[in-house]
Amino acid sequence: MTRTREALRREILERSYLEGDFLLSSGARSTYYIDVKRASYDSRCRELLGQVIAEWMAEAGLVCDCVGGLTLGADAIAHAVGSELWRRGKPVREASVRKTPKDHGRMRLIEGNFNPGDRVLVVDDVVTTAGSTLKAIDAFRAEGGTVVAAVAVIDRRQGGAEAIAARGVTFRALFTIDELRGQDGGSPVQSGGASADHG
């Protein structure tokens, strides 16, 4: 694990990991909850998020035109990636997928700087069953985008990675739940192929 990634893991564990009794958006109950927004909306953690995702993109040779995902969990992560790639001289556009289309003005589902034909990196905070990630993938595809990969900060290892892979999208998690807790020193999960708001 790189020093940057380990620093990010520690920040997320300290700021975002909570134990108790929680109802997830999937309808399941959980003895823990990971509020990644407590990290992604902190300037230092957001910088680390951008660096770790940009490093993975460079290692994977991944190129995109736009980065985004389902609001609200993906928004700060998309900004983190966009800012870091701009610093590296590889600027991309950023976009946000609404949960429902806007009911006035342009009545858009995707806000920001997405263009049909864009190669899109879909980002998310936590993947459980991957409902939020899949909604974003479907939205970008429906508007003419090509989803080149999806990345989440945390994979709870409850079927989400497999659901994303079933859509033909390469998936990467920065940390599995075991890695976040320090119970697994392995590399991040990756699958390839084409209430509490944990999708």
Protein backbone atom coordinates (compact mmCIF):
# COMPACT_ATOMS: atom_id res chain seq x y z
CA MET A 1 0.00 0.00 0.00
CA THR A 2 1.44 3.37 -1.00
CA ARG A 3 1.97 6.03 1.65
CA THR A 4 -0.74 8.19 0.07
CA ARG A 5 -3.25 5.36 0.05
CA GLU A 6 -2.42 4.41 3.64
CA ALA A 7 -2.85 8.04 4.72
CA LEU A 8 -6.25 8.08 3.03
CA ARG A 9 -7.24 4.79 4.68
CA ARG A 10 -6.42 6.15 8.12
CA GLU A 11 -8.32 9.39 7.50
CA ILE A 12 -11.44 7.53 6.32
CA LEU A 13 -11.28 5.05 9.20
CA GLU A 14 -10.98 7.88 11.73
CA ARG A 15 -13.54 10.24 10.20
CA SER A 16 -16.06 8.02 8.45
CA TYR A 17 -16.30 4.59 10.07
CA LEU A 18 -19.14 4.26 12.61
CA GLU A 19 -20.48 1.27 14.52
CA GLY A 20 -24.08 0.83 15.65
CA ASP A 21 -27.38 -0.25 14.09
CA PHE A 22 -27.95 1.21 10.64
CA LEU A 23 -30.53 0.78 7.87
CA LEU A 24 -28.90 0.81 4.44
CA SER A 25 -30.55 2.01 1.23
CA SER A 26 -30.60 -1.62 0.08
CA GLY A 27 -33.04 -2.34 2.95
CA ALA A 28 -30.49 -4.42 4.85
CA ARG A 29 -29.40 -3.64 8.40
CA SER A 30 -25.76 -3.26 9.28
CA THR A 31 -23.67 -3.04 12.44
CA TYR A 32 -21.43 -0.45 10.78
CA TYR A 33 -21.78 2.54 8.48
CA ILE A 34 -19.17 4.39 6.43
CA ASP A 35 -20.00 8.06 5.97
CA VAL A 36 -17.42 8.81 3.28
CA LYS A 37 -18.77 12.37 2.93
CA ARG A 38 -17.12 13.19 6.28
CA ALA A 39 -13.82 12.57 4.46
CA SER A 40 -14.62 13.65 0.89
CA TYR A 41 -15.91 17.03 2.09
CA ASP A 42 -12.66 17.69 3.98
CA SER A 43 -10.05 19.48 1.88
CA ARG A 44 -7.07 17.31 2.98
CA CYS A 45 -8.95 14.03 2.49
CA ARG A 46 -10.35 15.21 -0.83
CA GLU A 47 -6.81 15.90 -2.04
CA LEU A 48 -5.75 12.38 -1.01
CA LEU A 49 -8.78 10.89 -2.79
CA GLY A 50 -7.88 12.67 -6.00
CA GLN A 51 -4.26 11.53 -5.79
CA VAL A 52 -5.07 7.87 -5.12
CA ILE A 53 -7.63 7.67 -7.95
CA ALA A 54 -5.36 9.53 -10.38
CA GLU A 55 -2.48 7.18 -9.52
CA TRP A 56 -4.66 4.16 -10.23
CA MET A 57 -5.79 5.69 -13.53
CA ALA A 58 -2.16 6.24 -14.56
CA GLU A 59 -1.18 2.68 -13.63
CA ALA A 60 -4.17 1.27 -15.52
CA GLY A 61 -3.61 3.51 -18.55
CA LEU A 62 -7.18 4.75 -18.12
CA VAL A 63 -8.21 7.84 -20.08
CA CYS A 64 -11.51 9.65 -19.76
CA ASP A 65 -13.11 12.89 -20.88
CA CYS A 66 -15.52 13.25 -17.96
CA VAL A 67 -15.78 12.07 -14.36
CA GLY A 68 -18.99 11.94 -12.36
CA GLY A 69 -21.61 9.90 -10.57
CA LEU A 70 -24.86 9.99 -8.68
CA THR A 71 -25.33 13.02 -6.44
CA LEU A 72 -24.57 13.51 -3.54
CA GLY A 73 -22.05 10.82 -2.69
CA ALA A 74 -20.10 11.13 -5.93
CA ASP A 75 -19.92 14.91 -6.22
CA ALA A 76 -16.92 15.69 -4.00
CA ILE A 77 -15.06 12.65 -5.36
CA ALA A 78 -15.59 13.82 -8.95
CA HIS A 79 -14.25 17.26 -7.99
CA ALA A 80 -11.25 15.64 -6.29
CA VAL A 81 -10.38 13.62 -9.40
CA GLY A 82 -10.97 16.56 -11.73
CA SER A 83 -8.73 18.85 -9.69
CA GLU A 84 -5.93 16.29 -9.42
CA LEU A 85 -5.99 15.46 -13.14
CA TRP A 86 -5.90 19.18 -13.96
CA ARG A 87 -2.79 19.52 -11.75
CA ARG A 88 -1.24 16.64 -13.66
CA GLY A 89 -1.89 18.32 -17.00
CA LYS A 90 -4.68 15.92 -17.96
CA PRO A 91 -7.84 17.99 -17.51
CA VAL A 92 -11.25 16.35 -17.64
CA ARG A 93 -14.78 17.64 -17.33
CA GLU A 94 -16.98 16.91 -14.30
CA ALA A 95 -20.66 16.03 -14.13
CA SER A 96 -23.30 15.06 -11.60
CA VAL A 97 -26.21 12.66 -12.16
CA ARG A 98 -29.44 13.72 -10.48
CA LYS A 99 -31.62 11.11 -8.79
CA THR A 100 -34.54 12.44 -10.86
CA PRO A 101 -34.54 14.84 -13.81
CA LYS A 102 -34.84 18.52 -13.03
CA ASP A 103 -38.48 19.64 -13.38
CA HIS A 104 -37.73 23.05 -14.92
CA GLY A 105 -35.21 24.83 -17.11
CA ARG A 106 -33.38 22.30 -19.29
CA MET A 107 -34.93 19.39 -17.35
CA ARG A 108 -31.66 17.50 -17.35
CA LEU A 109 -30.76 14.32 -15.52
CA ILE A 110 -27.02 14.96 -15.92
CA GLU A 111 -25.73 18.35 -14.78
CA GLY A 112 -22.34 19.88 -15.34
CA ASN A 113 -19.98 19.38 -18.25
CA PHE A 114 -20.85 16.02 -19.79
CA ASN A 115 -21.09 15.77 -23.59
CA PRO A 116 -22.54 12.88 -25.62
CA GLY A 117 -19.66 10.72 -26.83
CA ASP A 118 -17.57 11.32 -23.69
CA ARG A 119 -15.54 8.53 -22.15
CA VAL A 120 -16.75 8.60 -18.55
CA LEU A 121 -15.21 7.47 -15.28
CA VAL A 122 -18.09 6.84 -12.86
CA VAL A 123 -17.24 7.46 -9.20
CA ASP A 124 -19.10 6.60 -6.00
CA ASP A 125 -18.44 6.72 -2.28
CA VAL A 126 -19.61 3.31 -1.02
CA VAL A 127 -20.74 0.26 -2.99
CA THR A 128 -23.01 -2.29 -1.33
CA THR A 129 -25.37 -3.63 -3.99
CA ALA A 130 -24.12 -0.90 -6.39
CA GLY A 131 -27.54 0.67 -6.95
CA SER A 132 -26.17 4.22 -7.09
CA THR A 133 -23.26 3.28 -9.33
CA LEU A 134 -25.52 1.39 -11.74
CA LYS A 135 -27.93 4.35 -11.96
CA ALA A 136 -25.03 6.60 -12.92
CA ILE A 137 -23.72 4.10 -15.48
CA ASP A 138 -27.17 3.81 -17.04
CA ALA A 139 -27.67 7.60 -17.10
CA PHE A 140 -24.37 8.31 -18.86
CA ARG A 141 -24.96 5.53 -21.37
CA ALA A 142 -28.50 6.71 -22.09
CA GLU A 143 -27.12 10.18 -22.92
CA GLY A 144 -24.51 8.81 -25.32
CA GLY A 145 -21.53 8.36 -23.03
CA THR A 146 -19.12 5.43 -22.89
CA VAL A 147 -18.39 4.31 -19.34
CA VAL A 148 -14.74 3.27 -19.29
CA ALA A 149 -14.65 2.23 -15.63
CA ALA A 150 -16.24 2.73 -12.22
CA VAL A 151 -14.38 3.43 -8.99
CA ALA A 152 -15.68 3.54 -5.43
CA VAL A 153 -13.92 4.53 -2.26
CA ILE A 154 -15.26 1.55 -0.29
CA ASP A 155 -16.60 -1.84 -1.39
CA ARG A 156 -18.65 -3.49 1.36
CA ARG A 157 -18.26 -6.84 -0.48
CA GLN A 158 -22.00 -7.50 -0.70
CA GLY A 159 -22.39 -8.14 -4.42
CA GLY A 160 -21.90 -4.65 -5.82
CA ALA A 161 -18.64 -5.37 -7.63
CA GLU A 162 -20.21 -8.34 -9.36
CA ALA A 163 -23.29 -6.31 -10.37
CA ILE A 164 -21.09 -3.65 -11.97
CA ALA A 165 -19.01 -6.27 -13.79
CA ALA A 166 -22.24 -7.82 -15.08
CA ARG A 167 -22.89 -4.52 -16.90
CA GLY A 168 -19.56 -4.91 -18.68
CA VAL A 169 -17.81 -2.20 -16.67
CA THR A 170 -14.39 -2.55 -15.03
CA PHE A 171 -14.70 -1.79 -11.31
CA ARG A 172 -12.10 -0.72 -8.80
CA ALA A 173 -12.51 -0.04 -5.09
CA LEU A 174 -9.86 1.94 -3.27
CA PHE A 175 -10.54 -0.21 -0.19
CA THR A 176 -12.61 -3.22 0.69
CA ILE A 177 -14.23 -3.08 4.10
CA ASP A 178 -11.56 -5.46 5.44
CA GLU A 179 -8.76 -3.30 4.05
CA LEU A 180 -10.31 -0.21 5.60
CA ARG A 181 -10.40 -1.91 8.99
CA GLY A 182 -6.80 -3.07 8.55
CA GLN A 183 -7.83 -6.72 8.44
CA ASP A 184 -6.51 -7.41 4.94
CA GLY A 185 -3.23 -6.14 3.58
CA GLY A 186 -4.00 -7.15 0.01
CA SER A 187 -4.49 -4.97 -3.03
CA PRO A 188 -7.79 -3.26 -3.84
CA VAL A 189 -10.61 -5.35 -5.23
CA GLN A 190 -10.95 -5.19 -8.97
CA SER A 191 -13.33 -6.88 -11.34
CA GLY A 192 -13.27 -6.51 -15.06
CA GLY A 193 -15.34 -6.94 -18.12
CA ALA A 194 -17.08 -5.04 -20.02
CA SER A 195 -31.64 6.09 4.63
CA ALA A 196 -27.93 5.37 5.00
CA ASP A 197 -27.05 5.98 1.40
CA HIS A 198 -24.90 2.95 0.74
CA GLY A 199 -25.79 1.74 -2.75
